[in-house]
Amino acid sequence: MVKLSLDTLDVTPRRSFFGRVAGAMALGLAGFGATAARAQQPAAPDGPDWPGALKGRHRQVVDGYEVNGGGPLAFAYTFMVTNPSPGAATAVVVLRHGAFPIALNNAMWEKYKIGPSFNIIDPETKAAAVKNPFLHPKPGVLLVDDMAIDRLIANGAVFGACNIALMVQSQKLASNAGVSAADAAKEWAANIVPGVTVIPSGTWGVNRAQEGGCTYCAGG
């Protein structure tokens, strides 16, 4: 009869056990190395630094999604005028969807027939707008002179305009000017009202403004 010892019986299980442990450690170290390599890769771009560092204790983003007679501008003006202490408040305005044309200069409104195409009425003429009615308006034309986009920018409001709206609307109206969709998009981008930043999208802008400490105001 063969005499078996505990050492004889234990050899195979112990070798199997340590083999499994070694294999698991190797896999774990490989996974750790892959995770470390991913961590060292540069982060994907997060868009422009917009709206940037906002001043004042009170901050509000006006979500402009329709022209609405200049409603988004009026709300921004109202917020600023009711927080009159110097440096007390900052208004951020996002022009997206139907409100995007407010971000374009007079030349684009005329060339691409923005007013007639989108049924935007000029409060001065009471007819379809052939120019941006909210940019450098004559005194008394708007409900309040200081709600004009150029005056709001001069008074410290921060403006962002949706790039997706720019692309979609310029393509839609390209035929009005007899140009290609690509050329229309380039021309619109080059004719944004000074002081307005083109941002990845309007919803992106509303999010970034809120992350920067703004409360939300629907401005359509």
C-alpha atoms as a PDB file:
ATOM      1  CA  MET A   1       0.000   0.000   0.000  1.00  0.00           C
ATOM      2  CA  VAL A   2       1.269   3.429  -0.877  1.00  0.00           C
ATOM      3  CA  LYS A   3       1.460   5.723   2.058  1.00  0.00           C
ATOM      4  CA  LEU A   4       0.189   9.190   1.297  1.00  0.00           C
ATOM      5  CA  SER A   5       1.330  12.164   3.285  1.00  0.00           C
ATOM      6  CA  LEU A   6      -0.373  15.509   3.744  1.00  0.00           C
ATOM      7  CA  ASP A   7       2.450  17.100   1.766  1.00  0.00           C
ATOM      8  CA  THR A   8       1.745  14.808  -1.185  1.00  0.00           C
ATOM      9  CA  LEU A   9      -1.951  15.567  -1.141  1.00  0.00           C
ATOM     10  CA  ASP A  10      -1.437  19.318  -0.846  1.00  0.00           C
ATOM     11  CA  VAL A  11       1.026  19.909  -3.701  1.00  0.00           C
ATOM     12  CA  THR A  12      -1.414  20.140  -6.596  1.00  0.00           C
ATOM     13  CA  PRO A  13      -4.037  22.311  -4.864  1.00  0.00           C
ATOM     14  CA  ARG A  14      -1.391  24.720  -3.605  1.00  0.00           C
ATOM     15  CA  ARG A  15       0.213  25.026  -7.032  1.00  0.00           C
ATOM     16  CA  SER A  16      -3.200  25.565  -8.601  1.00  0.00           C
ATOM     17  CA  PHE A  17      -4.107  28.168  -5.994  1.00  0.00           C
ATOM     18  CA  PHE A  18      -0.908  30.167  -6.384  1.00  0.00           C
ATOM     19  CA  GLY A  19      -1.218  29.933 -10.145  1.00  0.00           C
ATOM     20  CA  ARG A  20      -4.666  31.470 -10.022  1.00  0.00           C
ATOM     21  CA  VAL A  21      -3.450  34.211  -7.690  1.00  0.00           C
ATOM     22  CA  ALA A  22      -0.538  35.025  -9.991  1.00  0.00           C
ATOM     23  CA  GLY A  23      -2.848  35.129 -13.004  1.00  0.00           C
ATOM     24  CA  ALA A  24      -5.291  37.424 -11.254  1.00  0.00           C
ATOM     25  CA  MET A  25      -2.471  39.749 -10.186  1.00  0.00           C
ATOM     26  CA  ALA A  26      -1.190  39.901 -13.761  1.00  0.00           C
ATOM     27  CA  LEU A  27      -4.633  40.778 -15.090  1.00  0.00           C
ATOM     28  CA  GLY A  28      -5.105  43.362 -12.371  1.00  0.00           C
ATOM     29  CA  LEU A  29      -1.796  45.028 -13.088  1.00  0.00           C
ATOM     30  CA  ALA A  30      -2.565  45.053 -16.808  1.00  0.00           C
ATOM     31  CA  GLY A  31      -5.928  46.693 -16.134  1.00  0.00           C
ATOM     32  CA  PHE A  32      -4.294  49.238 -13.826  1.00  0.00           C
ATOM     33  CA  GLY A  33      -1.770  50.068 -16.523  1.00  0.00           C
ATOM     34  CA  ALA A  34      -4.525  50.618 -19.097  1.00  0.00           C
ATOM     35  CA  THR A  35      -6.452  52.851 -16.663  1.00  0.00           C
ATOM     36  CA  ALA A  36      -3.323  54.869 -15.899  1.00  0.00           C
ATOM     37  CA  ALA A  37      -2.638  55.279 -19.613  1.00  0.00           C
ATOM     38  CA  ARG A  38      -6.168  56.565 -20.197  1.00  0.00           C
ATOM     39  CA  ALA A  39      -5.814  58.967 -17.280  1.00  0.00           C
ATOM     40  CA  GLN A  40      -2.686  60.443 -18.856  1.00  0.00           C
ATOM     41  CA  GLN A  41      -4.476  61.240 -22.113  1.00  0.00           C
ATOM     42  CA  PRO A  42      -5.512  64.902 -22.547  1.00  0.00           C
ATOM     43  CA  ALA A  43      -9.162  65.653 -21.820  1.00  0.00           C
ATOM     44  CA  ALA A  44     -11.472  66.310 -24.752  1.00  0.00           C
ATOM     45  CA  PRO A  45     -12.138  70.005 -25.504  1.00  0.00           C
ATOM     46  CA  ASP A  46     -14.971  71.404 -23.395  1.00  0.00           C
ATOM     47  CA  GLY A  47     -15.836  74.333 -25.665  1.00  0.00           C
ATOM     48  CA  PRO A  48     -14.901  78.001 -25.278  1.00  0.00           C
ATOM     49  CA  ASP A  49     -14.385  79.633 -21.904  1.00  0.00           C
ATOM     50  CA  TRP A  50     -17.856  81.115 -21.913  1.00  0.00           C
ATOM     51  CA  PRO A  51     -19.463  82.977 -20.225  1.00  0.00           C
ATOM     52  CA  GLY A  52     -16.200  83.339 -18.330  1.00  0.00           C
ATOM     53  CA  ALA A  53     -15.862  84.732 -14.825  1.00  0.00           C
ATOM     54  CA  LEU A  54     -19.107  86.549 -14.068  1.00  0.00           C
ATOM     55  CA  LYS A  55     -19.144  89.631 -11.882  1.00  0.00           C
ATOM     56  CA  GLY A  56     -21.552  90.530  -9.139  1.00  0.00           C
ATOM     57  CA  ARG A  57     -23.520  88.692  -6.514  1.00  0.00           C
ATOM     58  CA  HIS A  58     -26.612  88.417  -8.725  1.00  0.00           C
ATOM     59  CA  ARG A  59     -26.373  86.478 -12.005  1.00  0.00           C
ATOM     60  CA  GLN A  60     -29.111  85.436 -14.367  1.00  0.00           C
ATOM     61  CA  VAL A  61     -29.193  83.727 -17.753  1.00  0.00           C
ATOM     62  CA  VAL A  62     -31.986  84.686 -20.132  1.00  0.00           C
ATOM     63  CA  ASP A  63     -32.801  81.779 -22.426  1.00  0.00           C
ATOM     64  CA  GLY A  64     -33.803  83.489 -25.678  1.00  0.00           C
ATOM     65  CA  TYR A  65     -35.455  80.926 -27.946  1.00  0.00           C
ATOM     66  CA  GLU A  66     -37.814  83.259 -29.878  1.00  0.00           C
ATOM     67  CA  VAL A  67     -37.483  86.900 -30.963  1.00  0.00           C
ATOM     68  CA  ASN A  68     -40.818  87.642 -29.282  1.00  0.00           C
ATOM     69  CA  GLY A  69     -40.648  91.370 -29.978  1.00  0.00           C
ATOM     70  CA  GLY A  70     -37.243  91.568 -28.325  1.00  0.00           C
ATOM     71  CA  GLY A  71     -38.406  89.795 -25.174  1.00  0.00           C
ATOM     72  CA  PRO A  72     -35.028  88.212 -24.345  1.00  0.00           C
ATOM     73  CA  LEU A  73     -33.407  91.651 -24.452  1.00  0.00           C
ATOM     74  CA  ALA A  74     -36.157  93.229 -22.380  1.00  0.00           C
ATOM     75  CA  PHE A  75     -35.781  90.588 -19.669  1.00  0.00           C
ATOM     76  CA  ALA A  76     -32.020  91.099 -19.507  1.00  0.00           C
ATOM     77  CA  TYR A  77     -32.495  94.868 -19.303  1.00  0.00           C
ATOM     78  CA  THR A  78     -35.093  94.497 -16.536  1.00  0.00           C
ATOM     79  CA  PHE A  79     -32.793  92.270 -14.502  1.00  0.00           C
ATOM     80  CA  MET A  80     -29.931  94.726 -14.784  1.00  0.00           C
ATOM     81  CA  VAL A  81     -31.947  97.878 -14.105  1.00  0.00           C
ATOM     82  CA  THR A  82     -33.479  96.389 -10.947  1.00  0.00           C
ATOM     83  CA  ASN A  83     -30.007  95.574  -9.610  1.00  0.00           C
ATOM     84  CA  PRO A  84     -28.601  99.080 -10.097  1.00  0.00           C
ATOM     85  CA  SER A  85     -25.628  99.064  -7.747  1.00  0.00           C
ATOM     86  CA  PRO A  86     -22.386  99.131  -9.762  1.00  0.00           C
ATOM     87  CA  GLY A  87     -21.029  95.612 -10.185  1.00  0.00           C
ATOM     88  CA  ALA A  88     -23.967  94.040  -8.341  1.00  0.00           C
ATOM     89  CA  ALA A  89     -25.314  91.909 -11.174  1.00  0.00           C
ATOM     90  CA  THR A  90     -24.545  90.355 -14.549  1.00  0.00           C
ATOM     91  CA  ALA A  91     -27.071  89.330 -17.166  1.00  0.00           C
ATOM     92  CA  VAL A  92     -26.199  86.519 -19.586  1.00  0.00           C
ATOM     93  CA  VAL A  93     -28.287  86.142 -22.735  1.00  0.00           C
ATOM     94  CA  VAL A  94     -28.360  83.016 -24.891  1.00  0.00           C
ATOM     95  CA  LEU A  95     -29.750  83.565 -28.404  1.00  0.00           C
ATOM     96  CA  ARG A  96     -30.831  80.211 -29.789  1.00  0.00           C
ATOM     97  CA  HIS A  97     -33.518  78.705 -31.985  1.00  0.00           C
ATOM     98  CA  GLY A  98     -35.857  81.447 -33.276  1.00  0.00           C
ATOM     99  CA  ALA A  99     -34.032  84.215 -31.393  1.00  0.00           C
ATOM    100  CA  PHE A 100     -30.716  83.646 -33.152  1.00  0.00           C
ATOM    101  CA  PRO A 101     -31.182  86.374 -35.824  1.00  0.00           C
ATOM    102  CA  ILE A 102     -30.887  89.028 -33.094  1.00  0.00           C
ATOM    103  CA  ALA A 103     -27.161  88.187 -33.140  1.00  0.00           C
ATOM    104  CA  LEU A 104     -26.738  89.173 -36.819  1.00  0.00           C
ATOM    105  CA  ASN A 105     -25.929  92.610 -38.193  1.00  0.00           C
ATOM    106  CA  ASN A 106     -28.113  94.669 -40.540  1.00  0.00           C
ATOM    107  CA  ALA A 107     -26.328  93.511 -43.696  1.00  0.00           C
ATOM    108  CA  MET A 108     -27.295  89.880 -43.062  1.00  0.00           C
ATOM    109  CA  TRP A 109     -30.905  90.775 -42.314  1.00  0.00           C
ATOM    110  CA  GLU A 110     -31.165  92.629 -45.602  1.00  0.00           C
ATOM    111  CA  LYS A 111     -29.240  90.190 -47.797  1.00  0.00           C
ATOM    112  CA  TYR A 112     -30.915  87.023 -46.537  1.00  0.00           C
ATOM    113  CA  LYS A 113     -34.396  88.531 -46.082  1.00  0.00           C
ATOM    114  CA  ILE A 114     -34.497  87.396 -42.466  1.00  0.00           C
ATOM    115  CA  GLY A 115     -37.488  89.527 -41.445  1.00  0.00           C
ATOM    116  CA  PRO A 116     -39.863  88.371 -44.206  1.00  0.00           C
ATOM    117  CA  SER A 117     -38.642  84.779 -44.013  1.00  0.00           C
ATOM    118  CA  PHE A 118     -39.175  84.453 -40.266  1.00  0.00           C
ATOM    119  CA  ASN A 119     -42.079  86.894 -39.996  1.00  0.00           C
ATOM    120  CA  ILE A 120     -40.190  89.300 -37.716  1.00  0.00           C
ATOM    121  CA  ILE A 121     -41.827  92.715 -37.520  1.00  0.00           C
ATOM    122  CA  ASP A 122     -39.824  95.920 -37.194  1.00  0.00           C
ATOM    123  CA  PRO A 123     -41.454  98.032 -34.460  1.00  0.00           C
ATOM    124  CA  GLU A 124     -40.381 101.164 -36.333  1.00  0.00           C
ATOM    125  CA  THR A 125     -42.042 100.375 -39.673  1.00  0.00           C
ATOM    126  CA  LYS A 126     -44.684  97.890 -38.456  1.00  0.00           C
ATOM    127  CA  ALA A 127     -43.702  95.743 -41.454  1.00  0.00           C
ATOM    128  CA  ALA A 128     -41.392  92.760 -41.980  1.00  0.00           C
ATOM    129  CA  ALA A 129     -37.937  93.818 -40.824  1.00  0.00           C
ATOM    130  CA  VAL A 130     -35.322  94.524 -43.487  1.00  0.00           C
ATOM    131  CA  LYS A 131     -32.670  95.250 -40.822  1.00  0.00           C
ATOM    132  CA  ASN A 132     -32.030  94.087 -37.279  1.00  0.00           C
ATOM    133  CA  PRO A 133     -34.593  96.160 -35.342  1.00  0.00           C
ATOM    134  CA  PHE A 134     -32.790  95.541 -32.058  1.00  0.00           C
ATOM    135  CA  LEU A 135     -29.402  96.851 -33.182  1.00  0.00           C
ATOM    136  CA  HIS A 136     -28.774 100.620 -33.020  1.00  0.00           C
ATOM    137  CA  PRO A 137     -32.500 101.469 -33.139  1.00  0.00           C
ATOM    138  CA  LYS A 138     -33.696 105.045 -33.315  1.00  0.00           C
ATOM    139  CA  PRO A 139     -34.678 106.570 -29.959  1.00  0.00           C
ATOM    140  CA  GLY A 140     -38.184 105.621 -28.928  1.00  0.00           C
ATOM    141  CA  VAL A 141     -38.559 102.699 -31.329  1.00  0.00           C
ATOM    142  CA  LEU A 142     -38.147  99.954 -28.731  1.00  0.00           C
ATOM    143  CA  LEU A 143     -40.102  99.745 -25.521  1.00  0.00           C
ATOM    144  CA  VAL A 144     -36.936 100.915 -23.751  1.00  0.00           C
ATOM    145  CA  ASP A 145     -33.947 102.322 -25.635  1.00  0.00           C
ATOM    146  CA  ASP A 146     -31.440 100.521 -23.411  1.00  0.00           C
ATOM    147  CA  MET A 147     -32.815  97.075 -24.299  1.00  0.00           C
ATOM    148  CA  ALA A 148     -31.057  97.298 -27.688  1.00  0.00           C
ATOM    149  CA  ILE A 149     -28.460  94.558 -27.994  1.00  0.00           C
ATOM    150  CA  ASP A 150     -25.596  96.991 -28.531  1.00  0.00           C
ATOM    151  CA  ARG A 151     -26.539  98.965 -25.404  1.00  0.00           C
ATOM    152  CA  LEU A 152     -26.889  95.850 -23.279  1.00  0.00           C
ATOM    153  CA  ILE A 153     -23.415  94.718 -24.343  1.00  0.00           C
ATOM    154  CA  ALA A 154     -22.020  98.172 -23.560  1.00  0.00           C
ATOM    155  CA  ASN A 155     -23.622  97.940 -20.106  1.00  0.00           C
ATOM    156  CA  GLY A 156     -21.974  94.614 -19.307  1.00  0.00           C
ATOM    157  CA  ALA A 157     -24.398  91.927 -20.476  1.00  0.00           C
ATOM    158  CA  VAL A 158     -22.805  88.738 -21.797  1.00  0.00           C
ATOM    159  CA  PHE A 159     -24.190  87.302 -25.053  1.00  0.00           C
ATOM    160  CA  GLY A 160     -23.842  83.893 -26.646  1.00  0.00           C
ATOM    161  CA  ALA A 161     -25.349  82.772 -29.968  1.00  0.00           C
ATOM    162  CA  CYS A 162     -26.110  79.170 -30.908  1.00  0.00           C
ATOM    163  CA  ASN A 163     -23.877  77.740 -33.625  1.00  0.00           C
ATOM    164  CA  ILE A 164     -26.393  75.043 -34.485  1.00  0.00           C
ATOM    165  CA  ALA A 165     -29.050  77.693 -35.152  1.00  0.00           C
ATOM    166  CA  LEU A 166     -26.514  79.565 -37.274  1.00  0.00           C
ATOM    167  CA  MET A 167     -25.855  76.490 -39.414  1.00  0.00           C
ATOM    168  CA  VAL A 168     -29.506  75.475 -39.799  1.00  0.00           C
ATOM    169  CA  GLN A 169     -30.920  78.930 -40.504  1.00  0.00           C
ATOM    170  CA  SER A 170     -28.151  80.047 -42.841  1.00  0.00           C
ATOM    171  CA  GLN A 171     -28.681  76.886 -44.880  1.00  0.00           C
ATOM    172  CA  LYS A 172     -32.431  77.533 -44.963  1.00  0.00           C
ATOM    173  CA  LEU A 173     -32.022  81.108 -46.212  1.00  0.00           C
ATOM    174  CA  ALA A 174     -28.988  80.619 -48.467  1.00  0.00           C
ATOM    175  CA  SER A 175     -31.178  80.635 -51.585  1.00  0.00           C
ATOM    176  CA  ASN A 176     -32.516  84.087 -50.651  1.00  0.00           C
ATOM    177  CA  ALA A 177     -29.027  85.448 -51.277  1.00  0.00           C
ATOM    178  CA  GLY A 178     -28.195  83.107 -54.159  1.00  0.00           C
ATOM    179  CA  VAL A 179     -25.275  81.485 -52.352  1.00  0.00           C
ATOM    180  CA  SER A 180     -24.398  77.976 -51.213  1.00  0.00           C
ATOM    181  CA  ALA A 181     -25.215  76.769 -47.722  1.00  0.00           C
ATOM    182  CA  ALA A 182     -21.510  76.624 -46.865  1.00  0.00           C
ATOM    183  CA  ASP A 183     -20.905  80.201 -48.027  1.00  0.00           C
ATOM    184  CA  ALA A 184     -23.972  81.428 -46.158  1.00  0.00           C
ATOM    185  CA  ALA A 185     -22.750  79.854 -42.917  1.00  0.00           C
ATOM    186  CA  LYS A 186     -19.320  81.458 -43.312  1.00  0.00           C
ATOM    187  CA  GLU A 187     -20.853  84.846 -44.037  1.00  0.00           C
ATOM    188  CA  TRP A 188     -23.189  84.688 -41.071  1.00  0.00           C
ATOM    189  CA  ALA A 189     -20.348  83.704 -38.756  1.00  0.00           C
ATOM    190  CA  ALA A 190     -18.349  86.698 -39.989  1.00  0.00           C
ATOM    191  CA  ASN A 191     -21.234  89.108 -39.415  1.00  0.00           C
ATOM    192  CA  ILE A 192     -22.174  88.482 -35.815  1.00  0.00           C
ATOM    193  CA  VAL A 193     -22.883  91.610 -33.758  1.00  0.00           C
ATOM    194  CA  PRO A 194     -19.627  92.672 -32.029  1.00  0.00           C
ATOM    195  CA  GLY A 195     -19.557  91.464 -28.455  1.00  0.00           C
ATOM    196  CA  VAL A 196     -21.585  88.301 -29.129  1.00  0.00           C
ATOM    197  CA  THR A 197     -19.787  84.948 -28.852  1.00  0.00           C
ATOM    198  CA  VAL A 198     -20.806  82.035 -31.070  1.00  0.00           C
ATOM    199  CA  ILE A 199     -21.110  79.022 -28.748  1.00  0.00           C
ATOM    200  CA  PRO A 200     -21.507  75.310 -29.597  1.00  0.00           C
ATOM    201  CA  SER A 201     -25.249  75.336 -28.973  1.00  0.00           C
ATOM    202  CA  GLY A 202     -27.854  77.318 -27.106  1.00  0.00           C
ATOM    203  CA  THR A 203     -28.564  74.533 -24.652  1.00  0.00           C
ATOM    204  CA  TRP A 204     -24.808  74.231 -24.046  1.00  0.00           C
ATOM    205  CA  GLY A 205     -24.759  77.947 -23.248  1.00  0.00           C
ATOM    206  CA  VAL A 206     -27.684  77.779 -20.823  1.00  0.00           C
ATOM    207  CA  ASN A 207     -25.954  74.911 -19.043  1.00  0.00           C
ATOM    208  CA  ARG A 208     -22.590  76.684 -18.795  1.00  0.00           C
ATOM    209  CA  ALA A 209     -24.208  79.874 -17.534  1.00  0.00           C
ATOM    210  CA  GLN A 210     -26.039  77.962 -14.818  1.00  0.00           C
ATOM    211  CA  GLU A 211     -22.851  76.136 -13.889  1.00  0.00           C
ATOM    212  CA  GLY A 212     -21.324  79.608 -13.547  1.00  0.00           C
ATOM    213  CA  GLY A 213     -23.878  80.550 -10.917  1.00  0.00           C
ATOM    214  CA  CYS A 214     -26.744  81.999 -12.973  1.00  0.00           C
ATOM    215  CA  THR A 215     -30.396  81.546 -12.169  1.00  0.00           C
ATOM    216  CA  TYR A 216     -32.641  80.767 -15.148  1.00  0.00           C
ATOM    217  CA  CYS A 217     -35.120  83.050 -16.916  1.00  0.00           C
ATOM    218  CA  ALA A 218     -37.146  81.872 -19.912  1.00  0.00           C
ATOM    219  CA  GLY A 219     -36.800  84.576 -22.528  1.00  0.00           C
ATOM    220  CA  GLY A 220     -38.835  83.351 -25.496  1.00  0.00           C
END
